[in-house]
């Protein structure tokens, strides 16, 4: 008899599980090389903190200052950071949907009346100011207070809330990586431009040195010609 009663419950439970919203998420398998050819000749390994500030390996205070200022004031990074905060707020809101919702209510009112305590003429009241006929007196000033709360909870039978939480977590993770990508792009552009500037400055210095050398040679040849050693 117990098995006969349990069979419909098991059937309904299995049916509800089969009706879960959407398929289960599976991380895609991405095949990546074990190491990069650019790092094959490196003999030192960098930890995560050093990789996060890779430009510090050049020991250039000017480059450090430029990147620090850019990371602090760049508007694209501020936009990416705001998107991260928005995604995390939506994730918190999605997680809150799986818990009971409680609402508190309160109200207050004040009643004022210009009538006398008995609500009748003084001659119609008995001794002590009580109203005639045995009624009760209404006060001229009355404060009324009320409070209460309401609670509700929706069971996530079909998994809609769980799917929304998974979606919110994925969006938060994507926003975080988008911000990191923006940081990497910004720092790489600044470093590339800075190195290009240093290269141009080095070429200018070499050109000035070569010009000074040619001037020295010209002055030496002129001196020899004036002395009659050469035509």
C-alpha atoms as a PDB file:
ATOM      1  CA  UNK A   1       0.000   0.000   0.000  1.00  0.00           C
ATOM      2  CA  UNK A   2       2.853   2.371   0.854  1.00  0.00           C
ATOM      3  CA  UNK A   3       4.571   1.619  -2.454  1.00  0.00           C
ATOM      4  CA  UNK A   4       1.370   2.356  -4.317  1.00  0.00           C
ATOM      5  CA  UNK A   5       1.123   5.749  -2.621  1.00  0.00           C
ATOM      6  CA  UNK A   6       4.794   6.588  -3.153  1.00  0.00           C
ATOM      7  CA  UNK A   7       4.748   5.821  -6.875  1.00  0.00           C
ATOM      8  CA  UNK A   8       2.670   8.908  -7.885  1.00  0.00           C
ATOM      9  CA  UNK A   9       4.865  11.179  -5.759  1.00  0.00           C
ATOM     10  CA  UNK A  10       8.041   9.834  -7.382  1.00  0.00           C
ATOM     11  CA  UNK A  11       6.474  10.246 -10.801  1.00  0.00           C
ATOM     12  CA  UNK A  12       5.503  13.874 -10.120  1.00  0.00           C
ATOM     13  CA  UNK A  13       8.983  14.661  -8.749  1.00  0.00           C
ATOM     14  CA  UNK A  14      10.669  13.180 -11.808  1.00  0.00           C
ATOM     15  CA  UNK A  15       8.291  15.069 -14.074  1.00  0.00           C
ATOM     16  CA  UNK A  16       9.072  18.383 -12.364  1.00  0.00           C
ATOM     17  CA  UNK A  17      12.804  17.739 -12.583  1.00  0.00           C
ATOM     18  CA  UNK A  18      12.417  17.052 -16.293  1.00  0.00           C
ATOM     19  CA  UNK A  19      10.664  20.406 -16.697  1.00  0.00           C
ATOM     20  CA  UNK A  20      13.594  22.435 -15.347  1.00  0.00           C
ATOM     21  CA  UNK A  21      14.078  25.637 -17.297  1.00  0.00           C
ATOM     22  CA  UNK A  22      16.904  25.404 -19.840  1.00  0.00           C
ATOM     23  CA  UNK A  23      19.760  22.898 -20.194  1.00  0.00           C
ATOM     24  CA  UNK A  24      22.633  22.573 -17.750  1.00  0.00           C
ATOM     25  CA  UNK A  25      25.652  24.731 -18.533  1.00  0.00           C
ATOM     26  CA  UNK A  26      28.849  22.984 -19.567  1.00  0.00           C
ATOM     27  CA  UNK A  27      32.089  24.891 -19.897  1.00  0.00           C
ATOM     28  CA  UNK A  28      33.407  24.662 -23.465  1.00  0.00           C
ATOM     29  CA  UNK A  29      36.651  22.785 -23.909  1.00  0.00           C
ATOM     30  CA  UNK A  30      39.257  25.107 -25.437  1.00  0.00           C
ATOM     31  CA  UNK A  31      42.526  23.492 -26.456  1.00  0.00           C
ATOM     32  CA  UNK A  32      45.465  25.782 -25.730  1.00  0.00           C
ATOM     33  CA  UNK A  33      49.214  25.168 -26.031  1.00  0.00           C
ATOM     34  CA  UNK A  34      51.166  24.207 -22.951  1.00  0.00           C
ATOM     35  CA  UNK A  35      53.467  27.236 -23.341  1.00  0.00           C
ATOM     36  CA  UNK A  36      53.954  30.174 -25.665  1.00  0.00           C
ATOM     37  CA  UNK A  37      56.854  30.455 -28.054  1.00  0.00           C
ATOM     38  CA  UNK A  38      57.581  33.986 -26.839  1.00  0.00           C
ATOM     39  CA  UNK A  39      58.274  32.688 -23.321  1.00  0.00           C
ATOM     40  CA  UNK A  40      60.379  29.708 -24.355  1.00  0.00           C
ATOM     41  CA  UNK A  41      63.650  31.547 -23.724  1.00  0.00           C
ATOM     42  CA  UNK A  42      62.675  32.975 -20.332  1.00  0.00           C
ATOM     43  CA  UNK A  43      64.428  31.426 -17.349  1.00  0.00           C
ATOM     44  CA  UNK A  44      62.486  33.200 -14.602  1.00  0.00           C
ATOM     45  CA  UNK A  45      58.868  32.617 -13.666  1.00  0.00           C
ATOM     46  CA  UNK A  46      56.494  35.411 -12.643  1.00  0.00           C
ATOM     47  CA  UNK A  47      53.736  35.051 -10.086  1.00  0.00           C
ATOM     48  CA  UNK A  48      50.232  36.475 -10.519  1.00  0.00           C
ATOM     49  CA  UNK A  49      51.025  39.735  -8.721  1.00  0.00           C
ATOM     50  CA  UNK A  50      54.035  40.382 -10.945  1.00  0.00           C
ATOM     51  CA  UNK A  51      52.030  39.590 -14.075  1.00  0.00           C
ATOM     52  CA  UNK A  52      49.356  42.060 -12.988  1.00  0.00           C
ATOM     53  CA  UNK A  53      52.042  44.776 -12.943  1.00  0.00           C
ATOM     54  CA  UNK A  54      54.218  43.471 -15.755  1.00  0.00           C
ATOM     55  CA  UNK A  55      55.504  46.933 -16.666  1.00  0.00           C
ATOM     56  CA  UNK A  56      57.288  47.098 -13.304  1.00  0.00           C
ATOM     57  CA  UNK A  57      59.884  44.652 -14.648  1.00  0.00           C
ATOM     58  CA  UNK A  58      61.399  47.491 -16.695  1.00  0.00           C
ATOM     59  CA  UNK A  59      62.217  49.502 -13.539  1.00  0.00           C
ATOM     60  CA  UNK A  60      61.249  52.772 -15.232  1.00  0.00           C
ATOM     61  CA  UNK A  61      59.650  55.260 -12.821  1.00  0.00           C
ATOM     62  CA  UNK A  62      58.364  57.430 -15.682  1.00  0.00           C
ATOM     63  CA  UNK A  63      56.502  54.490 -17.241  1.00  0.00           C
ATOM     64  CA  UNK A  64      55.177  53.485 -13.806  1.00  0.00           C
ATOM     65  CA  UNK A  65      53.824  57.003 -13.251  1.00  0.00           C
ATOM     66  CA  UNK A  66      52.163  57.189 -16.675  1.00  0.00           C
ATOM     67  CA  UNK A  67      50.391  53.868 -16.258  1.00  0.00           C
ATOM     68  CA  UNK A  68      49.344  54.636 -12.676  1.00  0.00           C
ATOM     69  CA  UNK A  69      47.807  57.933 -13.752  1.00  0.00           C
ATOM     70  CA  UNK A  70      46.026  56.297 -16.684  1.00  0.00           C
ATOM     71  CA  UNK A  71      44.585  53.509 -14.539  1.00  0.00           C
ATOM     72  CA  UNK A  72      43.250  56.116 -12.134  1.00  0.00           C
ATOM     73  CA  UNK A  73      41.683  58.580 -14.574  1.00  0.00           C
ATOM     74  CA  UNK A  74      40.814  56.617 -17.732  1.00  0.00           C
ATOM     75  CA  UNK A  75      37.100  56.927 -18.563  1.00  0.00           C
ATOM     76  CA  UNK A  76      36.904  53.568 -20.322  1.00  0.00           C
ATOM     77  CA  UNK A  77      38.069  51.837 -17.149  1.00  0.00           C
ATOM     78  CA  UNK A  78      35.534  53.794 -15.105  1.00  0.00           C
ATOM     79  CA  UNK A  79      32.799  52.594 -17.459  1.00  0.00           C
ATOM     80  CA  UNK A  80      34.003  48.998 -17.198  1.00  0.00           C
ATOM     81  CA  UNK A  81      34.118  49.252 -13.396  1.00  0.00           C
ATOM     82  CA  UNK A  82      30.549  50.589 -13.294  1.00  0.00           C
ATOM     83  CA  UNK A  83      29.432  47.642 -15.404  1.00  0.00           C
ATOM     84  CA  UNK A  84      31.071  45.282 -12.931  1.00  0.00           C
ATOM     85  CA  UNK A  85      29.188  46.924 -10.052  1.00  0.00           C
ATOM     86  CA  UNK A  86      25.939  46.745 -12.011  1.00  0.00           C
ATOM     87  CA  UNK A  87      26.443  43.053 -12.804  1.00  0.00           C
ATOM     88  CA  UNK A  88      27.190  42.230  -9.165  1.00  0.00           C
ATOM     89  CA  UNK A  89      24.099  44.149  -8.041  1.00  0.00           C
ATOM     90  CA  UNK A  90      21.976  42.137 -10.479  1.00  0.00           C
ATOM     91  CA  UNK A  91      23.583  38.949  -9.174  1.00  0.00           C
ATOM     92  CA  UNK A  92      22.645  39.879  -5.603  1.00  0.00           C
ATOM     93  CA  UNK A  93      19.085  40.625  -6.721  1.00  0.00           C
ATOM     94  CA  UNK A  94      18.862  37.267  -8.489  1.00  0.00           C
ATOM     95  CA  UNK A  95      20.102  35.432  -5.373  1.00  0.00           C
ATOM     96  CA  UNK A  96      17.556  37.261  -3.209  1.00  0.00           C
ATOM     97  CA  UNK A  97      14.725  35.754  -5.268  1.00  0.00           C
ATOM     98  CA  UNK A  98      15.392  32.295  -3.775  1.00  0.00           C
ATOM     99  CA  UNK A  99      14.687  33.455  -0.207  1.00  0.00           C
ATOM    100  CA  UNK A 100      11.409  34.490   1.422  1.00  0.00           C
ATOM    101  CA  UNK A 101      10.322  38.081   0.888  1.00  0.00           C
ATOM    102  CA  UNK A 102       9.272  40.031   3.990  1.00  0.00           C
ATOM    103  CA  UNK A 103       7.574  43.414   3.900  1.00  0.00           C
ATOM    104  CA  UNK A 104       7.064  45.574   6.979  1.00  0.00           C
ATOM    105  CA  UNK A 105       4.268  48.114   7.211  1.00  0.00           C
ATOM    106  CA  UNK A 106       3.546  50.906   9.651  1.00  0.00           C
ATOM    107  CA  UNK A 107       1.050  53.726   9.960  1.00  0.00           C
ATOM    108  CA  UNK A 108       0.288  56.565  12.360  1.00  0.00           C
ATOM    109  CA  UNK A 109      -2.613  58.997  12.563  1.00  0.00           C
ATOM    110  CA  UNK A 110      -3.627  61.881  14.824  1.00  0.00           C
ATOM    111  CA  UNK A 111      -7.266  62.870  15.437  1.00  0.00           C
ATOM    112  CA  UNK A 112      -8.181  66.300  16.776  1.00  0.00           C
ATOM    113  CA  UNK A 113     -11.701  67.391  17.777  1.00  0.00           C
ATOM    114  CA  UNK A 114     -13.044  70.815  18.766  1.00  0.00           C
ATOM    115  CA  UNK A 115     -15.956  69.327  20.682  1.00  0.00           C
ATOM    116  CA  UNK A 116     -16.160  69.088  24.444  1.00  0.00           C
ATOM    117  CA  UNK A 117     -15.371  65.846  26.206  1.00  0.00           C
ATOM    118  CA  UNK A 118     -18.990  64.768  26.506  1.00  0.00           C
ATOM    119  CA  UNK A 119     -20.002  65.819  23.030  1.00  0.00           C
ATOM    120  CA  UNK A 120     -23.033  67.690  24.546  1.00  0.00           C
ATOM    121  CA  UNK A 121     -23.828  70.920  26.354  1.00  0.00           C
ATOM    122  CA  UNK A 122     -22.565  71.276  29.903  1.00  0.00           C
ATOM    123  CA  UNK A 123     -26.122  71.174  31.204  1.00  0.00           C
ATOM    124  CA  UNK A 124     -26.737  67.738  29.676  1.00  0.00           C
ATOM    125  CA  UNK A 125     -23.873  66.065  31.446  1.00  0.00           C
ATOM    126  CA  UNK A 126     -23.925  64.577  34.896  1.00  0.00           C
ATOM    127  CA  UNK A 127     -21.524  65.147  37.697  1.00  0.00           C
ATOM    128  CA  UNK A 128     -17.835  65.008  36.878  1.00  0.00           C
ATOM    129  CA  UNK A 129     -18.374  66.021  33.242  1.00  0.00           C
ATOM    130  CA  UNK A 130     -19.625  62.564  32.160  1.00  0.00           C
ATOM    131  CA  UNK A 131     -22.124  62.581  29.305  1.00  0.00           C
ATOM    132  CA  UNK A 132     -25.750  61.978  30.011  1.00  0.00           C
ATOM    133  CA  UNK A 133     -27.180  58.565  29.383  1.00  0.00           C
ATOM    134  CA  UNK A 134     -24.037  56.664  30.541  1.00  0.00           C
ATOM    135  CA  UNK A 135     -22.002  57.078  27.268  1.00  0.00           C
ATOM    136  CA  UNK A 136     -18.223  57.507  27.237  1.00  0.00           C
ATOM    137  CA  UNK A 137     -16.418  60.723  26.482  1.00  0.00           C
ATOM    138  CA  UNK A 138     -14.239  61.058  23.352  1.00  0.00           C
ATOM    139  CA  UNK A 139     -10.905  62.800  23.926  1.00  0.00           C
ATOM    140  CA  UNK A 140     -10.193  65.936  21.934  1.00  0.00           C
ATOM    141  CA  UNK A 141      -6.734  64.614  20.880  1.00  0.00           C
ATOM    142  CA  UNK A 142      -6.130  60.989  19.864  1.00  0.00           C
ATOM    143  CA  UNK A 143      -3.049  59.234  18.403  1.00  0.00           C
ATOM    144  CA  UNK A 144      -3.510  55.950  16.493  1.00  0.00           C
ATOM    145  CA  UNK A 145      -0.662  53.575  15.561  1.00  0.00           C
ATOM    146  CA  UNK A 146      -0.628  50.360  13.535  1.00  0.00           C
ATOM    147  CA  UNK A 147       2.154  47.996  12.443  1.00  0.00           C
ATOM    148  CA  UNK A 148       2.414  44.681  10.639  1.00  0.00           C
ATOM    149  CA  UNK A 149       4.401  42.608   8.182  1.00  0.00           C
ATOM    150  CA  UNK A 150       3.812  40.335   5.231  1.00  0.00           C
ATOM    151  CA  UNK A 151       5.945  37.361   4.110  1.00  0.00           C
ATOM    152  CA  UNK A 152       5.857  35.399   0.875  1.00  0.00           C
ATOM    153  CA  UNK A 153       7.994  32.690  -0.710  1.00  0.00           C
ATOM    154  CA  UNK A 154       7.806  31.115  -4.128  1.00  0.00           C
ATOM    155  CA  UNK A 155       9.235  27.610  -4.464  1.00  0.00           C
ATOM    156  CA  UNK A 156      11.595  27.314  -7.418  1.00  0.00           C
ATOM    157  CA  UNK A 157      10.029  24.160  -8.833  1.00  0.00           C
ATOM    158  CA  UNK A 158      11.045  24.586 -12.460  1.00  0.00           C
ATOM    159  CA  UNK A 159      14.489  26.060 -11.772  1.00  0.00           C
ATOM    160  CA  UNK A 160      13.833  29.522 -13.195  1.00  0.00           C
ATOM    161  CA  UNK A 161      15.459  31.250 -10.223  1.00  0.00           C
ATOM    162  CA  UNK A 162      18.478  28.960 -10.357  1.00  0.00           C
ATOM    163  CA  UNK A 163      18.941  29.685 -14.048  1.00  0.00           C
ATOM    164  CA  UNK A 164      18.686  33.426 -13.434  1.00  0.00           C
ATOM    165  CA  UNK A 165      21.357  33.149 -10.717  1.00  0.00           C
ATOM    166  CA  UNK A 166      23.642  31.233 -13.062  1.00  0.00           C
ATOM    167  CA  UNK A 167      23.088  33.870 -15.740  1.00  0.00           C
ATOM    168  CA  UNK A 168      23.821  36.705 -13.298  1.00  0.00           C
ATOM    169  CA  UNK A 169      27.041  35.000 -12.142  1.00  0.00           C
ATOM    170  CA  UNK A 170      28.145  34.538 -15.748  1.00  0.00           C
ATOM    171  CA  UNK A 171      27.424  38.197 -16.495  1.00  0.00           C
ATOM    172  CA  UNK A 172      29.425  39.276 -13.436  1.00  0.00           C
ATOM    173  CA  UNK A 173      32.374  37.143 -14.462  1.00  0.00           C
ATOM    174  CA  UNK A 174      32.201  38.480 -18.021  1.00  0.00           C
ATOM    175  CA  UNK A 175      32.129  42.070 -16.722  1.00  0.00           C
ATOM    176  CA  UNK A 176      35.179  41.427 -14.535  1.00  0.00           C
ATOM    177  CA  UNK A 177      37.140  39.960 -17.438  1.00  0.00           C
ATOM    178  CA  UNK A 178      36.042  42.806 -19.708  1.00  0.00           C
ATOM    179  CA  UNK A 179      37.471  45.276 -17.190  1.00  0.00           C
ATOM    180  CA  UNK A 180      40.705  43.292 -16.986  1.00  0.00           C
ATOM    181  CA  UNK A 181      40.894  43.229 -20.772  1.00  0.00           C
ATOM    182  CA  UNK A 182      40.460  47.002 -20.825  1.00  0.00           C
ATOM    183  CA  UNK A 183      43.297  47.365 -18.294  1.00  0.00           C
ATOM    184  CA  UNK A 184      45.606  45.128 -20.316  1.00  0.00           C
ATOM    185  CA  UNK A 185      44.794  47.004 -23.524  1.00  0.00           C
ATOM    186  CA  UNK A 186      45.349  50.399 -21.892  1.00  0.00           C
ATOM    187  CA  UNK A 187      48.659  49.488 -20.231  1.00  0.00           C
ATOM    188  CA  UNK A 188      49.920  47.819 -23.417  1.00  0.00           C
ATOM    189  CA  UNK A 189      49.099  50.896 -25.512  1.00  0.00           C
ATOM    190  CA  UNK A 190      50.806  53.217 -23.036  1.00  0.00           C
ATOM    191  CA  UNK A 191      53.901  51.008 -22.859  1.00  0.00           C
ATOM    192  CA  UNK A 192      54.045  50.696 -26.658  1.00  0.00           C
ATOM    193  CA  UNK A 193      53.808  54.457 -27.156  1.00  0.00           C
ATOM    194  CA  UNK A 194      56.350  55.074 -24.398  1.00  0.00           C
ATOM    195  CA  UNK A 195      58.843  52.634 -25.916  1.00  0.00           C
ATOM    196  CA  UNK A 196      58.307  54.185 -29.363  1.00  0.00           C
ATOM    197  CA  UNK A 197      59.036  57.608 -27.848  1.00  0.00           C
ATOM    198  CA  UNK A 198      62.212  56.308 -26.186  1.00  0.00           C
ATOM    199  CA  UNK A 199      63.296  54.772 -29.483  1.00  0.00           C
ATOM    200  CA  UNK A 200      62.852  58.055 -31.322  1.00  0.00           C
ATOM    201  CA  UNK A 201      64.738  59.881 -28.566  1.00  0.00           C
ATOM    202  CA  UNK A 202      67.581  57.360 -28.831  1.00  0.00           C
ATOM    203  CA  UNK A 203      67.745  57.841 -32.602  1.00  0.00           C
ATOM    204  CA  UNK A 204      67.823  61.603 -32.171  1.00  0.00           C
ATOM    205  CA  UNK A 205      70.674  61.266 -29.686  1.00  0.00           C
ATOM    206  CA  UNK A 206      72.598  59.063 -32.120  1.00  0.00           C
ATOM    207  CA  UNK A 207      71.955  61.564 -34.906  1.00  0.00           C
ATOM    208  CA  UNK A 208      73.243  64.436 -32.779  1.00  0.00           C
ATOM    209  CA  UNK A 209      76.351  62.437 -31.867  1.00  0.00           C
ATOM    210  CA  UNK A 210      76.984  61.608 -35.526  1.00  0.00           C
ATOM    211  CA  UNK A 211      76.525  65.266 -36.486  1.00  0.00           C
ATOM    212  CA  UNK A 212      79.030  66.325 -33.826  1.00  0.00           C
ATOM    213  CA  UNK A 213      81.504  63.711 -35.098  1.00  0.00           C
ATOM    214  CA  UNK A 214      81.170  64.909 -38.679  1.00  0.00           C
ATOM    215  CA  UNK A 215      81.669  68.505 -37.529  1.00  0.00           C
ATOM    216  CA  UNK A 216      84.861  67.488 -35.711  1.00  0.00           C
ATOM    217  CA  UNK A 217      86.153  65.718 -38.818  1.00  0.00           C
ATOM    218  CA  UNK A 218      85.334  68.757 -40.963  1.00  0.00           C
ATOM    219  CA  UNK A 219      87.133  71.066 -38.554  1.00  0.00           C
ATOM    220  CA  UNK A 220      90.191  68.761 -38.555  1.00  0.00           C
ATOM    221  CA  UNK A 221      90.330  68.631 -42.358  1.00  0.00           C
ATOM    222  CA  UNK A 222      90.008  72.422 -42.544  1.00  0.00           C
ATOM    223  CA  UNK A 223      92.843  72.868 -40.082  1.00  0.00           C
ATOM    224  CA  UNK A 224      95.098  70.551 -42.096  1.00  0.00           C
ATOM    225  CA  UNK A 225      94.279  72.398 -45.309  1.00  0.00           C
ATOM    226  CA  UNK A 226      95.079  75.763 -43.757  1.00  0.00           C
ATOM    227  CA  UNK A 227      98.375  74.337 -42.511  1.00  0.00           C
ATOM    228  CA  UNK A 228      99.232  73.163 -46.034  1.00  0.00           C
ATOM    229  CA  UNK A 229      99.241  69.447 -45.313  1.00  0.00           C
ATOM    230  CA  UNK A 230      96.377  68.746 -47.749  1.00  0.00           C
ATOM    231  CA  UNK A 231      94.929  70.492 -50.757  1.00  0.00           C
END
